Amino acid sequence: MQRFTIAIDPDIPVSRQRIVFETQDGGNLTRWILDGTDLGSASDLVVWKPEPGKHSLSLLDDGGHFHDTITPESRLDRSAVALLHG
């Protein structure tokens, strides 16, 4: 499981802070699942507005199995690792 931090910058309008999920080769991976919620088809770009907290993002295959889970943590902090500019 990969972990990383996303900084939500209070100086950037919330409407401009987004993360895009994209697969290079979806193969049998069919759905994006974030915190148990189906975000849509893995063959499509999915745009997510980060919210503070720990999250779990996975790809679900056509057999209903989870693959490639990552655990981003979003926080409201000017000094974090990554600043989002949308």
N, C-alpha and C. Protein backbone atom coordinates (compact mmCIF):
# COMPACT_ATOMS: atom_id res chain seq x y z
N MET A 1 0.84 -1.17 0.00
CA MET A 1 0.00 0.00 0.00
C MET A 1 0.90 1.24 0.00
N GLN A 2 0.70 2.11 -0.96
CA GLN A 2 1.48 3.35 -1.05
C GLN A 2 0.78 4.44 -0.26
N ARG A 3 1.59 5.25 0.44
CA ARG A 3 1.03 6.37 1.21
C ARG A 3 1.67 7.66 0.73
N PHE A 4 0.90 8.73 0.72
CA PHE A 4 1.44 10.04 0.40
C PHE A 4 0.54 11.11 0.99
N THR A 5 1.09 12.32 1.05
CA THR A 5 0.35 13.43 1.64
C THR A 5 -0.01 14.45 0.57
N ILE A 6 -1.23 14.94 0.65
CA ILE A 6 -1.72 16.00 -0.24
C ILE A 6 -1.98 17.21 0.64
N ALA A 7 -1.41 18.35 0.29
CA ALA A 7 -1.66 19.57 1.06
C ALA A 7 -2.79 20.34 0.43
N ILE A 8 -3.77 20.68 1.22
CA ILE A 8 -4.85 21.56 0.77
C ILE A 8 -4.42 22.96 1.20
N ASP A 9 -4.10 23.79 0.23
CA ASP A 9 -3.55 25.12 0.50
C ASP A 9 -4.69 26.12 0.73
N PRO A 10 -4.75 26.73 1.91
CA PRO A 10 -5.84 27.67 2.20
C PRO A 10 -5.77 28.95 1.37
N ASP A 11 -4.62 29.20 0.72
CA ASP A 11 -4.47 30.39 -0.11
C ASP A 11 -4.93 30.18 -1.55
N ILE A 12 -5.26 28.94 -1.91
CA ILE A 12 -5.73 28.62 -3.25
C ILE A 12 -7.23 28.31 -3.15
N PRO A 13 -8.04 28.90 -4.02
CA PRO A 13 -9.48 28.61 -3.95
C PRO A 13 -9.75 27.10 -4.03
N VAL A 14 -10.67 26.62 -3.22
CA VAL A 14 -11.01 25.20 -3.18
C VAL A 14 -11.40 24.70 -4.57
N SER A 15 -12.05 25.53 -5.35
CA SER A 15 -12.48 25.13 -6.69
C SER A 15 -11.31 24.86 -7.63
N ARG A 16 -10.09 25.26 -7.25
CA ARG A 16 -8.91 25.06 -8.10
C ARG A 16 -8.03 23.92 -7.61
N GLN A 17 -8.43 23.24 -6.57
CA GLN A 17 -7.63 22.15 -6.00
C GLN A 17 -8.30 20.82 -6.30
N ARG A 18 -7.72 20.07 -7.22
CA ARG A 18 -8.28 18.78 -7.65
C ARG A 18 -7.16 17.77 -7.89
N ILE A 19 -7.50 16.50 -7.78
CA ILE A 19 -6.62 15.39 -8.11
C ILE A 19 -7.30 14.60 -9.22
N VAL A 20 -6.52 14.21 -10.24
CA VAL A 20 -7.06 13.42 -11.35
C VAL A 20 -6.54 11.99 -11.23
N PHE A 21 -7.44 11.03 -11.28
CA PHE A 21 -7.09 9.61 -11.28
C PHE A 21 -7.19 9.10 -12.71
N GLU A 22 -6.13 8.40 -13.15
CA GLU A 22 -6.10 7.86 -14.51
C GLU A 22 -5.28 6.58 -14.52
N THR A 23 -5.74 5.57 -15.23
CA THR A 23 -4.96 4.35 -15.41
C THR A 23 -4.27 4.40 -16.77
N GLN A 24 -3.08 3.81 -16.87
CA GLN A 24 -2.39 3.76 -18.15
C GLN A 24 -2.92 2.63 -19.02
N ASP A 25 -3.19 1.50 -18.39
CA ASP A 25 -3.75 0.36 -19.12
C ASP A 25 -4.73 -0.33 -18.18
N GLY A 26 -6.00 0.00 -18.32
CA GLY A 26 -7.01 -0.53 -17.42
C GLY A 26 -7.12 -2.03 -17.42
N GLY A 27 -6.88 -2.68 -18.57
CA GLY A 27 -7.01 -4.13 -18.67
C GLY A 27 -8.33 -4.59 -18.07
N ASN A 28 -8.24 -5.43 -17.04
CA ASN A 28 -9.46 -5.93 -16.40
C ASN A 28 -9.86 -5.07 -15.19
N LEU A 29 -9.17 -3.93 -14.98
CA LEU A 29 -9.53 -3.04 -13.87
C LEU A 29 -10.71 -2.19 -14.32
N THR A 30 -11.77 -2.23 -13.56
CA THR A 30 -13.01 -1.64 -14.07
C THR A 30 -13.52 -0.41 -13.31
N ARG A 31 -13.23 -0.29 -12.00
CA ARG A 31 -13.84 0.78 -11.21
C ARG A 31 -12.83 1.43 -10.26
N TRP A 32 -12.95 2.75 -10.06
CA TRP A 32 -12.22 3.48 -9.02
C TRP A 32 -13.07 3.43 -7.75
N ILE A 33 -12.46 3.06 -6.61
CA ILE A 33 -13.16 3.01 -5.34
C ILE A 33 -12.39 3.89 -4.34
N LEU A 34 -13.04 4.92 -3.81
CA LEU A 34 -12.43 5.81 -2.82
C LEU A 34 -13.24 5.73 -1.54
N ASP A 35 -12.59 5.29 -0.48
CA ASP A 35 -13.25 5.17 0.83
C ASP A 35 -14.57 4.39 0.74
N GLY A 36 -14.57 3.35 -0.08
CA GLY A 36 -15.75 2.50 -0.21
C GLY A 36 -16.80 3.02 -1.19
N THR A 37 -16.55 4.19 -1.78
CA THR A 37 -17.50 4.78 -2.73
C THR A 37 -17.01 4.59 -4.16
N ASP A 38 -17.88 4.13 -5.02
CA ASP A 38 -17.56 3.94 -6.44
C ASP A 38 -17.52 5.30 -7.12
N LEU A 39 -16.32 5.68 -7.64
CA LEU A 39 -16.17 6.97 -8.31
C LEU A 39 -16.39 6.91 -9.81
N GLY A 40 -16.43 5.71 -10.36
CA GLY A 40 -16.67 5.60 -11.79
C GLY A 40 -15.73 4.62 -12.47
N SER A 41 -15.83 4.57 -13.77
CA SER A 41 -15.08 3.63 -14.59
C SER A 41 -13.59 3.93 -14.57
N ALA A 42 -12.78 2.86 -14.49
CA ALA A 42 -11.32 3.02 -14.54
C ALA A 42 -10.85 3.42 -15.93
N SER A 43 -11.70 3.30 -16.93
CA SER A 43 -11.32 3.71 -18.28
C SER A 43 -11.51 5.21 -18.48
N ASP A 44 -12.13 5.89 -17.51
CA ASP A 44 -12.36 7.33 -17.59
C ASP A 44 -11.44 8.08 -16.62
N LEU A 45 -11.16 9.34 -16.93
CA LEU A 45 -10.49 10.21 -15.97
C LEU A 45 -11.48 10.51 -14.86
N VAL A 46 -11.04 10.44 -13.63
CA VAL A 46 -11.88 10.78 -12.49
C VAL A 46 -11.23 11.94 -11.77
N VAL A 47 -11.99 12.99 -11.52
CA VAL A 47 -11.49 14.18 -10.83
C VAL A 47 -12.06 14.19 -9.42
N TRP A 48 -11.17 14.35 -8.44
CA TRP A 48 -11.56 14.31 -7.03
C TRP A 48 -11.16 15.60 -6.33
N LYS A 49 -12.06 16.17 -5.55
CA LYS A 49 -11.75 17.33 -4.73
C LYS A 49 -11.28 16.79 -3.38
N PRO A 50 -9.98 16.95 -3.06
CA PRO A 50 -9.49 16.37 -1.81
C PRO A 50 -10.15 16.99 -0.58
N GLU A 51 -10.43 16.15 0.38
CA GLU A 51 -11.00 16.56 1.65
C GLU A 51 -10.03 16.13 2.75
N PRO A 52 -9.89 16.93 3.82
CA PRO A 52 -8.96 16.56 4.89
C PRO A 52 -9.26 15.18 5.44
N GLY A 53 -8.21 14.43 5.74
CA GLY A 53 -8.36 13.11 6.35
C GLY A 53 -7.57 12.05 5.61
N LYS A 54 -7.59 10.85 6.15
CA LYS A 54 -6.94 9.70 5.53
C LYS A 54 -7.94 9.02 4.62
N HIS A 55 -7.46 8.57 3.47
CA HIS A 55 -8.33 7.97 2.47
C HIS A 55 -7.73 6.68 1.95
N SER A 56 -8.54 5.91 1.26
CA SER A 56 -8.09 4.68 0.61
C SER A 56 -8.65 4.67 -0.81
N LEU A 57 -7.75 4.61 -1.80
CA LEU A 57 -8.14 4.57 -3.20
C LEU A 57 -7.69 3.26 -3.80
N SER A 58 -8.62 2.55 -4.43
CA SER A 58 -8.31 1.25 -5.03
C SER A 58 -8.90 1.16 -6.42
N LEU A 59 -8.36 0.22 -7.18
CA LEU A 59 -8.95 -0.18 -8.45
C LEU A 59 -9.59 -1.55 -8.25
N LEU A 60 -10.80 -1.69 -8.71
CA LEU A 60 -11.55 -2.94 -8.61
C LEU A 60 -11.53 -3.62 -9.97
N ASP A 61 -11.24 -4.93 -9.99
CA ASP A 61 -11.24 -5.63 -11.27
C ASP A 61 -12.62 -6.19 -11.58
N ASP A 62 -12.75 -6.75 -12.78
CA ASP A 62 -14.07 -7.23 -13.22
C ASP A 62 -14.53 -8.46 -12.43
N GLY A 63 -13.64 -9.04 -11.62
CA GLY A 63 -14.03 -10.15 -10.75
C GLY A 63 -14.39 -9.71 -9.34
N GLY A 64 -14.35 -8.39 -9.11
CA GLY A 64 -14.71 -7.87 -7.80
C GLY A 64 -13.57 -7.83 -6.79
N HIS A 65 -12.32 -8.00 -7.27
CA HIS A 65 -11.15 -7.97 -6.39
C HIS A 65 -10.47 -6.60 -6.45
N PHE A 66 -9.95 -6.16 -5.30
CA PHE A 66 -9.26 -4.87 -5.24
C PHE A 66 -7.80 -5.01 -5.63
N HIS A 67 -7.29 -3.99 -6.35
CA HIS A 67 -5.90 -3.95 -6.79
C HIS A 67 -5.34 -2.55 -6.57
N ASP A 68 -4.02 -2.46 -6.45
CA ASP A 68 -3.32 -1.17 -6.46
C ASP A 68 -3.92 -0.15 -5.50
N THR A 69 -4.04 -0.51 -4.25
CA THR A 69 -4.58 0.40 -3.25
C THR A 69 -3.51 1.38 -2.79
N ILE A 70 -3.89 2.66 -2.72
CA ILE A 70 -3.03 3.70 -2.16
C ILE A 70 -3.79 4.40 -1.05
N THR A 71 -3.07 5.02 -0.13
CA THR A 71 -3.72 5.67 1.00
C THR A 71 -3.25 7.12 1.12
N PRO A 72 -3.86 8.02 0.35
CA PRO A 72 -3.49 9.42 0.48
C PRO A 72 -4.05 10.03 1.76
N GLU A 73 -3.31 10.96 2.34
CA GLU A 73 -3.81 11.73 3.47
C GLU A 73 -3.83 13.18 3.03
N SER A 74 -4.99 13.81 3.13
CA SER A 74 -5.14 15.22 2.78
C SER A 74 -5.16 16.02 4.06
N ARG A 75 -4.43 17.15 4.04
CA ARG A 75 -4.47 17.99 5.23
C ARG A 75 -4.38 19.45 4.85
N LEU A 76 -4.95 20.27 5.68
CA LEU A 76 -4.93 21.70 5.48
C LEU A 76 -3.64 22.21 6.10
N ASP A 77 -2.63 22.46 5.24
CA ASP A 77 -1.31 22.79 5.75
C ASP A 77 -0.48 23.42 4.64
N ARG A 78 0.10 24.56 4.89
CA ARG A 78 0.91 25.25 3.89
C ARG A 78 2.28 24.63 3.70
N SER A 79 2.72 23.82 4.64
CA SER A 79 4.09 23.30 4.57
C SER A 79 4.17 21.83 4.20
N ALA A 80 3.08 21.24 3.76
CA ALA A 80 3.10 19.79 3.46
C ALA A 80 3.84 19.51 2.16
N VAL A 81 3.91 18.27 1.83
CA VAL A 81 4.73 17.79 0.72
C VAL A 81 4.29 18.31 -0.64
N ALA A 82 3.01 18.28 -0.94
CA ALA A 82 2.54 18.62 -2.29
C ALA A 82 1.48 19.71 -2.22
N LEU A 83 1.62 20.73 -3.03
CA LEU A 83 0.58 21.76 -3.14
C LEU A 83 -0.23 21.48 -4.39
N LEU A 84 -1.52 21.57 -4.28
CA LEU A 84 -2.40 21.28 -5.40
C LEU A 84 -2.72 22.57 -6.13
N HIS A 85 -2.45 22.57 -7.40
CA HIS A 85 -2.83 23.71 -8.25
C HIS A 85 -3.64 23.13 -9.40
N GLY A 86 -4.93 23.48 -9.46
CA GLY A 86 -5.83 22.81 -10.38
C GLY A 86 -5.94 23.41 -11.69
